[in-house]
Amino acid sequence: MRKMSKNTMFKFISIIFALFLWSYVRSEVDPERTVTYKDVDVRFENLAEIKEHNLAVVSNMNLKTNISISGKTSEMARMSRENILASINLSGYSEGENSIPIKVSIDNNSGVRVASKEPSRITVKIDEVIEEKMEAVISTKGQLAEGYVLGNIKPAEKVDVKGASSIVHSIEKIISEVDVTEMYKSEVKTGKIIAYDKDGKEIDNLTITPSSIDIEVPVLKTMTVPIRLNIIGRIPDGMDTQAFSIEPSSVMIRGNSAVINGITELTTQPVDVNSLIGNRVEVGLVLPDGVSLVDKDIKIVASSEDLTPKKTAINFSKEDIIFEGLDDKEIVSELNNLNVEFVQKNVLEDLTLNKKDVKVILNLKDLGVGTYEIAPKIEVPKEFKVEKISPKVVKLEIKKKGIF
């Protein structure tokens, strides 16, 4: 009996030792290790539920987390990023800032475990969804074919805007833009409707109805025609019609081609000869139906006096020019000064034009690195017009900032 007990004890000790040895060998052969997977995508669960409650997520939907997975080397060998599912459950959360825990699951049924996650919680902002009526301003870009101008386009259209309240309230303007480049006849164009914030950035995550507008774009032909002064009454002895002048002596008109092509001149409304002698008189024009002046602010003046309009020349340097769309680019070339000659439209007035009243703009939007010749855009008070620009184009070289 005693002998059997000793044998049993030896067997028991042998088993314990074998188990210990097996565990030791396993730990050496198949040790535990930890792998961190960075920037694992975090999915949103139950988005439909908050939508049913007229709510929307306004936080960044492209969320990431770093997840550390631990397990035996043999188990970890079967692991990959695709096996990890990270998510946050929106069920039960309401409007405001919500701190939501990240749930992590592993889909390969292995013996590995989640060691850590960083961050382990994510703050999600949930907003009420609202709908408002707003105006979409209709605008155009590009230049028509030479000799043509735009007619009257509907300035704006009402649209319905739906989205999270904070996003809707961030809207600075809504624009529907159509390209009129090289157009020479009227047609209907479709303009996509886009909302912008105060920084001019496009706003996403909105539903705008309709999403685009069909815009009737009237294109009118232009032509410069002379003005004939229609004088009534007896012209004094020693004078003839050549003694009277009119300023401007010609104007640019616009209208349908069929009408414009038949016009050779315009006449003024009848004006008494005696009112012209020694005086400067504003006179009206007789415009055929369907014809209008391109410049509606122009004043037609007649007189027996000299009516040479007042001219002003202003020199603009690089520092005076507004560069639009420069962003991360810079001008690396020297620019020649720009000389612009302005004419006062109304000779009945004596106005002064200063450099600060004028904007010289170079549009560099959508231009990459390179050398360009750009025609300047001149914005001037409506009482003046641009007579001459020298040079007509500005030569410049554009490079990325910080690149030499």
Protein backbone atom coordinates (compact mmCIF):
# COMPACT_ATOMS: atom_id res chain seq x y z
CA MET A 1 0.00 0.00 0.00
CA ARG A 2 2.81 2.37 0.91
CA LYS A 3 4.61 1.43 -2.30
CA MET A 4 1.52 2.28 -4.35
CA SER A 5 1.29 5.65 -2.67
CA LYS A 6 4.83 6.47 -3.59
CA ASN A 7 4.15 5.55 -7.21
CA THR A 8 1.05 7.68 -7.24
CA MET A 9 2.96 10.61 -5.81
CA PHE A 10 5.71 10.25 -8.37
CA LYS A 11 3.13 10.16 -11.14
CA PHE A 12 1.42 13.24 -9.79
CA ILE A 13 4.69 15.14 -9.53
CA SER A 14 5.60 14.05 -13.03
CA ILE A 15 2.30 15.37 -14.38
CA ILE A 16 2.76 18.72 -12.62
CA PHE A 17 6.29 18.98 -13.93
CA ALA A 18 5.15 18.07 -17.44
CA LEU A 19 2.44 20.73 -17.32
CA PHE A 20 4.93 23.29 -16.09
CA LEU A 21 7.39 22.30 -18.79
CA TRP A 22 4.66 22.42 -21.43
CA SER A 23 3.58 25.90 -20.28
CA TYR A 24 7.17 27.08 -20.31
CA VAL A 25 7.76 25.73 -23.78
CA ARG A 26 4.48 27.22 -25.02
CA SER A 27 5.35 30.63 -23.59
CA GLU A 28 8.70 30.51 -25.28
CA VAL A 29 7.45 29.11 -28.56
CA ASP A 30 4.10 31.05 -28.70
CA PRO A 31 4.57 34.18 -26.57
CA GLU A 32 1.90 36.86 -26.13
CA ARG A 33 2.29 40.07 -28.11
CA THR A 34 0.43 43.35 -28.62
CA VAL A 35 -0.12 45.14 -31.92
CA THR A 36 -1.51 48.69 -32.24
CA TYR A 37 -3.62 49.51 -35.28
CA LYS A 38 -3.63 53.24 -35.91
CA ASP A 39 -6.44 55.31 -37.42
CA VAL A 40 -9.10 52.62 -37.44
CA ASP A 41 -12.35 53.98 -38.91
CA VAL A 42 -15.19 54.47 -36.43
CA ARG A 43 -18.65 53.67 -37.80
CA PHE A 44 -21.91 55.31 -36.70
CA GLU A 45 -24.68 52.96 -35.57
CA ASN A 46 -28.38 53.90 -35.50
CA LEU A 47 -28.08 57.02 -37.64
CA ALA A 48 -31.58 56.26 -38.87
CA GLU A 49 -32.92 56.51 -35.33
CA ILE A 50 -31.76 60.09 -34.78
CA LYS A 51 -33.03 61.04 -38.23
CA GLU A 52 -36.46 59.80 -37.17
CA HIS A 53 -36.27 62.30 -34.30
CA ASN A 54 -35.44 65.14 -36.73
CA LEU A 55 -31.81 65.26 -35.62
CA ALA A 56 -28.51 65.15 -37.48
CA VAL A 57 -24.83 64.66 -36.64
CA VAL A 58 -22.86 67.84 -37.36
CA SER A 59 -19.49 66.64 -36.10
CA ASN A 60 -16.83 65.26 -38.39
CA MET A 61 -18.11 61.90 -39.63
CA ASN A 62 -14.61 60.72 -40.58
CA LEU A 63 -13.63 59.55 -37.10
CA LYS A 64 -10.56 57.45 -36.23
CA THR A 65 -9.20 55.66 -33.18
CA ASN A 66 -6.01 53.75 -32.30
CA ILE A 67 -6.71 50.20 -31.09
CA SER A 68 -4.22 47.85 -29.39
CA ILE A 69 -4.91 44.10 -29.68
CA SER A 70 -3.17 41.48 -27.50
CA GLY A 71 -2.94 37.71 -27.92
CA LYS A 72 -0.71 34.74 -28.57
CA THR A 73 1.62 35.06 -31.50
CA SER A 74 -0.16 32.26 -33.31
CA GLU A 75 -3.52 34.00 -32.84
CA MET A 76 -2.16 37.43 -33.76
CA ALA A 77 -0.84 35.99 -37.02
CA ARG A 78 -4.45 35.62 -38.12
CA MET A 79 -5.30 39.22 -37.19
CA SER A 80 -5.54 42.16 -39.60
CA ARG A 81 -7.04 45.64 -39.59
CA GLU A 82 -10.05 44.28 -41.48
CA ASN A 83 -10.96 42.07 -38.49
CA ILE A 84 -11.44 45.09 -36.21
CA LEU A 85 -14.84 46.79 -36.08
CA ALA A 86 -15.01 50.09 -34.18
CA SER A 87 -18.30 51.92 -33.77
CA ILE A 88 -20.32 54.34 -31.67
CA ASN A 89 -24.01 53.79 -30.99
CA LEU A 90 -26.15 56.93 -31.39
CA SER A 91 -29.26 55.31 -29.95
CA GLY A 92 -30.76 57.33 -27.11
CA TYR A 93 -28.66 60.46 -27.58
CA SER A 94 -30.23 63.90 -28.07
CA GLU A 95 -29.40 67.40 -29.28
CA GLY A 96 -26.13 68.85 -27.98
CA GLU A 97 -22.58 67.66 -27.25
CA ASN A 98 -22.53 63.93 -26.45
CA SER A 99 -19.55 61.89 -25.20
CA ILE A 100 -20.07 58.41 -26.64
CA PRO A 101 -17.91 55.33 -25.88
CA ILE A 102 -16.26 53.50 -28.75
CA LYS A 103 -17.26 49.86 -29.02
CA VAL A 104 -14.70 47.47 -30.52
CA SER A 105 -15.37 43.94 -31.74
CA ILE A 106 -13.19 41.40 -33.55
CA ASP A 107 -14.86 39.32 -36.21
CA ASN A 108 -12.50 36.33 -36.64
CA ASN A 109 -13.51 34.53 -33.37
CA SER A 110 -9.87 34.31 -32.30
CA GLY A 111 -8.60 34.29 -28.75
CA VAL A 112 -7.23 37.82 -28.96
CA ARG A 113 -8.55 40.69 -26.86
CA VAL A 114 -8.74 44.48 -27.00
CA ALA A 115 -5.95 45.84 -24.81
CA SER A 116 -6.72 49.55 -25.25
CA LYS A 117 -8.30 52.15 -27.49
CA GLU A 118 -7.25 55.77 -27.84
CA PRO A 119 -9.45 57.68 -27.72
CA SER A 120 -11.94 55.45 -25.95
CA ARG A 121 -14.76 58.02 -26.21
CA ILE A 122 -15.68 60.51 -28.90
CA THR A 123 -17.62 63.77 -28.55
CA VAL A 124 -20.38 63.98 -31.13
CA LYS A 125 -22.49 67.09 -31.71
CA ILE A 126 -26.10 66.45 -32.61
CA ASP A 127 -28.31 69.24 -33.96
CA GLU A 128 -31.95 69.79 -34.73
CA VAL A 129 -32.77 69.58 -38.45
CA ILE A 130 -34.52 72.70 -39.78
CA GLU A 131 -35.80 73.84 -43.15
CA GLU A 132 -35.81 77.44 -44.40
CA LYS A 133 -36.64 79.31 -47.56
CA MET A 134 -33.69 81.30 -48.91
CA GLU A 135 -32.70 83.24 -52.01
CA ALA A 136 -30.28 81.76 -54.50
CA VAL A 137 -28.55 84.62 -56.31
CA ILE A 138 -28.09 83.99 -60.02
CA SER A 139 -24.68 84.96 -61.39
CA THR A 140 -22.61 84.45 -64.51
CA LYS A 141 -18.95 83.74 -65.21
CA GLY A 142 -16.92 84.07 -68.39
CA GLN A 143 -17.01 86.54 -71.28
CA LEU A 144 -19.58 86.58 -74.05
CA ALA A 145 -18.48 86.59 -77.66
CA GLU A 146 -17.14 89.98 -78.74
CA GLY A 147 -19.88 92.45 -79.63
CA TYR A 148 -22.49 90.96 -77.30
CA VAL A 149 -23.77 91.79 -73.81
CA LEU A 150 -26.10 90.14 -71.34
CA GLY A 151 -29.71 91.19 -71.17
CA ASN A 152 -31.67 91.25 -67.93
CA ILE A 153 -31.34 87.97 -66.04
CA LYS A 154 -33.67 87.08 -63.19
CA PRO A 155 -31.59 88.15 -60.16
CA ALA A 156 -32.59 85.42 -57.70
CA GLU A 157 -34.82 82.43 -57.05
CA LYS A 158 -36.33 81.04 -53.86
CA VAL A 159 -35.06 77.62 -52.73
CA ASP A 160 -35.71 75.34 -49.76
CA VAL A 161 -32.67 74.60 -47.60
CA LYS A 162 -32.73 71.70 -45.13
CA GLY A 163 -30.02 70.65 -42.71
CA ALA A 164 -28.68 70.84 -39.17
CA SER A 165 -29.55 74.21 -37.63
CA SER A 166 -25.93 75.26 -37.03
CA ILE A 167 -25.04 74.48 -40.66
CA VAL A 168 -28.08 76.28 -42.09
CA HIS A 169 -27.34 79.33 -39.93
CA SER A 170 -23.72 79.38 -41.18
CA ILE A 171 -24.86 80.11 -44.75
CA GLU A 172 -23.62 83.49 -45.95
CA LYS A 173 -24.89 83.25 -49.52
CA ILE A 174 -26.40 80.82 -52.01
CA ILE A 175 -25.38 81.11 -55.64
CA SER A 176 -26.44 79.51 -58.90
CA GLU A 177 -23.73 80.25 -61.46
CA VAL A 178 -23.81 79.67 -65.21
CA ASP A 179 -20.95 79.90 -67.69
CA VAL A 180 -21.60 82.34 -70.56
CA THR A 181 -18.17 82.05 -72.22
CA GLU A 182 -18.33 82.86 -75.96
CA MET A 183 -22.15 82.87 -76.03
CA TYR A 184 -23.61 84.91 -78.91
CA LYS A 185 -27.30 84.04 -78.70
CA SER A 186 -29.91 83.67 -75.98
CA GLU A 187 -30.38 80.24 -74.45
CA VAL A 188 -31.43 78.44 -71.28
CA LYS A 189 -28.58 77.32 -69.02
CA THR A 190 -28.71 75.08 -65.95
CA GLY A 191 -26.92 76.37 -62.88
CA LYS A 192 -26.10 74.17 -59.88
CA ILE A 193 -27.07 75.74 -56.55
CA ILE A 194 -24.23 75.99 -54.01
CA ALA A 195 -24.24 77.41 -50.47
CA TYR A 196 -21.17 79.26 -49.09
CA ASP A 197 -20.09 80.36 -45.62
CA LYS A 198 -18.65 83.75 -44.64
CA ASP A 199 -15.17 82.61 -45.72
CA GLY A 200 -16.40 81.71 -49.20
CA LYS A 201 -16.10 77.96 -48.60
CA GLU A 202 -18.68 75.58 -50.03
CA ILE A 203 -21.01 74.09 -47.41
CA ASP A 204 -21.80 70.37 -47.56
CA ASN A 205 -24.37 68.32 -45.64
CA LEU A 206 -27.31 70.38 -46.88
CA THR A 207 -30.33 69.44 -48.95
CA ILE A 208 -31.24 72.26 -51.35
CA THR A 209 -34.45 71.96 -53.34
CA PRO A 210 -34.28 72.37 -56.25
CA SER A 211 -30.60 71.44 -56.54
CA SER A 212 -30.25 73.40 -59.80
CA ILE A 213 -32.08 76.15 -61.69
CA ASP A 214 -32.85 76.55 -65.38
CA ILE A 215 -31.82 80.12 -66.14
CA GLU A 216 -32.86 82.03 -69.24
CA VAL A 217 -29.76 83.90 -70.40
CA PRO A 218 -30.66 86.68 -72.86
CA VAL A 219 -27.74 87.67 -75.10
CA LEU A 220 -28.01 90.96 -76.97
CA LYS A 221 -25.96 92.32 -79.82
CA THR A 222 -24.16 95.63 -79.34
CA MET A 223 -23.22 98.32 -81.80
CA THR A 224 -21.80 101.82 -81.56
CA VAL A 225 -23.82 104.37 -83.53
CA PRO A 226 -23.46 108.14 -84.00
CA ILE A 227 -25.91 110.64 -82.48
CA ARG A 228 -27.54 113.32 -84.63
CA LEU A 229 -28.65 116.48 -82.85
CA ASN A 230 -32.28 117.32 -83.75
CA ILE A 231 -32.33 121.12 -83.60
CA ILE A 232 -35.60 123.02 -84.04
CA GLY A 233 -36.01 126.76 -84.56
CA ARG A 234 -34.16 129.31 -86.67
CA ILE A 235 -30.40 129.19 -86.38
CA PRO A 236 -28.98 132.74 -86.00
CA ASP A 237 -27.13 134.31 -88.90
CA GLY A 238 -23.45 133.47 -88.93
CA MET A 239 -24.08 130.06 -87.35
CA ASP A 240 -24.91 126.67 -88.79
CA THR A 241 -25.42 123.19 -87.41
CA GLN A 242 -21.66 122.74 -87.26
CA ALA A 243 -21.59 125.38 -84.52
CA PHE A 244 -23.31 122.99 -82.16
CA SER A 245 -21.76 119.94 -80.58
CA ILE A 246 -22.99 116.95 -78.69
CA GLU A 247 -21.16 114.85 -76.11
CA PRO A 248 -20.81 111.98 -76.42
CA SER A 249 -21.11 112.02 -80.18
CA SER A 250 -21.83 108.27 -80.28
CA VAL A 251 -23.21 105.64 -77.94
CA MET A 252 -23.24 101.87 -77.68
CA ILE A 253 -26.68 100.33 -78.00
CA ARG A 254 -27.93 96.81 -77.45
CA GLY A 255 -30.86 94.72 -78.64
CA ASN A 256 -31.88 91.81 -80.81
CA SER A 257 -29.74 91.43 -83.92
CA ALA A 258 -32.72 91.90 -86.25
CA VAL A 259 -33.38 95.35 -84.80
CA ILE A 260 -29.78 96.46 -84.20
CA ASN A 261 -28.64 95.62 -87.72
CA GLY A 262 -31.11 98.13 -89.18
CA ILE A 263 -29.91 101.13 -87.14
CA THR A 264 -27.38 103.55 -88.62
CA GLU A 265 -27.77 106.46 -86.17
CA LEU A 266 -29.80 107.77 -83.26
CA THR A 267 -31.42 111.19 -83.05
CA THR A 268 -32.02 113.33 -80.01
CA GLN A 269 -35.37 114.55 -78.85
CA PRO A 270 -36.15 117.91 -80.50
CA VAL A 271 -34.20 120.73 -78.82
CA ASP A 272 -34.75 124.45 -79.36
CA VAL A 273 -31.77 126.19 -80.90
CA ASN A 274 -32.00 129.15 -78.51
CA SER A 275 -31.58 126.89 -75.47
CA LEU A 276 -28.26 125.68 -76.86
CA ILE A 277 -26.61 129.04 -77.44
CA GLY A 278 -24.24 129.71 -74.57
CA ASN A 279 -25.72 126.87 -72.53
CA ARG A 280 -25.09 123.20 -71.90
CA VAL A 281 -28.33 121.23 -72.13
CA GLU A 282 -29.00 117.59 -71.34
CA VAL A 283 -30.99 116.01 -74.16
CA GLY A 284 -32.83 112.74 -74.52
CA LEU A 285 -32.44 110.11 -77.24
CA VAL A 286 -35.10 108.56 -79.42
CA LEU A 287 -34.63 104.82 -78.97
CA PRO A 288 -36.44 102.30 -81.19
CA ASP A 289 -38.50 99.59 -79.48
CA GLY A 290 -36.34 96.78 -78.14
CA VAL A 291 -33.20 98.95 -78.10
CA SER A 292 -31.47 100.31 -75.00
CA LEU A 293 -28.17 101.92 -74.07
CA VAL A 294 -25.42 99.64 -72.80
CA ASP A 295 -24.44 102.38 -70.34
CA LYS A 296 -27.67 103.55 -68.73
CA ASP A 297 -25.89 106.20 -66.65
CA ILE A 298 -24.57 108.17 -69.61
CA LYS A 299 -25.71 111.80 -70.01
CA ILE A 300 -26.14 113.29 -73.50
CA VAL A 301 -25.31 117.01 -73.54
CA ALA A 302 -25.61 119.52 -76.39
CA SER A 303 -24.34 123.12 -76.63
CA SER A 304 -22.83 125.80 -78.81
CA GLU A 305 -19.85 125.66 -76.44
CA ASP A 306 -16.91 123.29 -76.46
CA LEU A 307 -17.90 120.00 -74.81
CA THR A 308 -14.57 118.24 -74.52
CA PRO A 309 -14.99 115.82 -71.58
CA LYS A 310 -12.70 115.99 -68.58
CA LYS A 311 -10.03 113.27 -68.58
CA THR A 312 -7.98 111.90 -65.70
CA ALA A 313 -4.90 109.66 -65.96
CA ILE A 314 -3.85 107.54 -62.97
CA ASN A 315 -0.76 105.38 -62.62
CA PHE A 316 -1.07 102.08 -60.69
CA SER A 317 1.87 100.11 -59.27
CA LYS A 318 1.96 96.48 -58.10
CA GLU A 319 1.02 97.59 -54.58
CA ASP A 320 -2.20 99.17 -55.89
CA ILE A 321 -3.43 95.99 -57.61
CA ILE A 322 -5.83 93.50 -56.01
CA PHE A 323 -4.81 89.89 -56.78
CA GLU A 324 -7.84 87.62 -56.48
CA GLY A 325 -7.37 83.89 -55.93
CA LEU A 326 -3.68 84.16 -55.02
CA ASP A 327 -4.11 81.84 -51.97
CA ASP A 328 -0.91 79.74 -51.59
CA LYS A 329 0.74 81.33 -54.63
CA GLU A 330 2.89 84.42 -55.01
CA ILE A 331 3.95 86.79 -57.77
CA VAL A 332 7.69 86.47 -58.32
CA SER A 333 8.09 88.75 -61.33
CA GLU A 334 8.35 92.51 -61.49
CA LEU A 335 5.20 94.17 -62.83
CA ASN A 336 5.16 97.21 -65.06
CA ASN A 337 3.11 100.13 -63.85
CA LEU A 338 -0.40 100.35 -65.28
CA ASN A 339 -1.56 103.66 -66.72
CA VAL A 340 -5.31 104.09 -66.97
CA GLU A 341 -7.11 107.05 -68.57
CA PHE A 342 -10.62 107.84 -67.35
CA VAL A 343 -13.28 110.08 -68.87
CA GLN A 344 -16.03 111.83 -66.95
CA LYS A 345 -19.35 110.82 -68.48
CA ASN A 346 -21.35 113.95 -67.70
CA VAL A 347 -19.81 117.18 -69.00
CA LEU A 348 -22.34 119.15 -66.95
CA GLU A 349 -20.42 118.25 -63.80
CA ASP A 350 -16.87 118.88 -62.63
CA LEU A 351 -15.87 115.81 -60.64
CA THR A 352 -12.55 114.63 -59.23
CA LEU A 353 -11.37 111.03 -59.50
CA ASN A 354 -8.68 109.81 -57.10
CA LYS A 355 -6.68 106.58 -57.04
CA LYS A 356 -8.51 105.41 -53.91
CA ASP A 357 -11.80 105.54 -55.84
CA VAL A 358 -10.59 102.93 -58.35
CA LYS A 359 -10.03 99.17 -58.02
CA VAL A 360 -7.60 97.38 -60.34
CA ILE A 361 -8.16 93.62 -60.12
CA LEU A 362 -6.22 90.68 -61.56
CA ASN A 363 -8.10 87.39 -61.31
CA LEU A 364 -5.64 84.53 -60.66
CA LYS A 365 -8.28 81.99 -59.64
CA ASP A 366 -7.67 78.48 -61.04
CA LEU A 367 -4.23 79.50 -62.36
CA GLY A 368 -1.34 77.19 -61.52
CA VAL A 369 2.38 77.83 -61.50
CA GLY A 370 3.53 79.51 -64.71
CA THR A 371 3.77 82.73 -66.71
CA TYR A 372 0.59 84.51 -67.78
CA GLU A 373 -0.75 87.59 -69.55
CA ILE A 374 -3.89 88.81 -67.79
CA ALA A 375 -6.22 91.65 -68.75
CA PRO A 376 -6.93 93.80 -65.68
CA LYS A 377 -10.46 94.45 -64.51
CA ILE A 378 -11.05 98.11 -63.63
CA GLU A 379 -13.83 99.10 -61.22
CA VAL A 380 -14.57 102.82 -61.27
CA PRO A 381 -17.42 105.02 -59.97
CA LYS A 382 -20.39 105.09 -62.36
CA GLU A 383 -19.78 108.77 -63.18
CA PHE A 384 -16.60 107.78 -65.05
CA LYS A 385 -15.60 105.31 -67.74
CA VAL A 386 -12.29 103.77 -68.73
CA GLU A 387 -10.96 105.35 -71.91
CA LYS A 388 -7.60 103.60 -72.25
CA ILE A 389 -5.42 101.05 -70.42
CA SER A 390 -1.69 100.80 -71.04
CA PRO A 391 -0.47 98.11 -71.24
CA LYS A 392 -3.66 96.20 -72.06
CA VAL A 393 -2.41 93.02 -70.35
CA VAL A 394 -0.21 92.46 -67.31
CA LYS A 395 2.60 89.90 -67.66
CA LEU A 396 3.39 88.00 -64.47
CA GLU A 397 4.96 84.80 -63.17
CA ILE A 398 3.29 82.72 -60.47
CA LYS A 399 5.03 80.29 -58.11
CA LYS A 400 4.05 78.36 -55.01
CA LYS A 401 4.88 80.16 -51.78
CA GLY A 402 8.15 79.05 -50.26
CA ILE A 403 9.46 77.45 -53.48
CA PHE A 404 12.47 79.14 -55.05
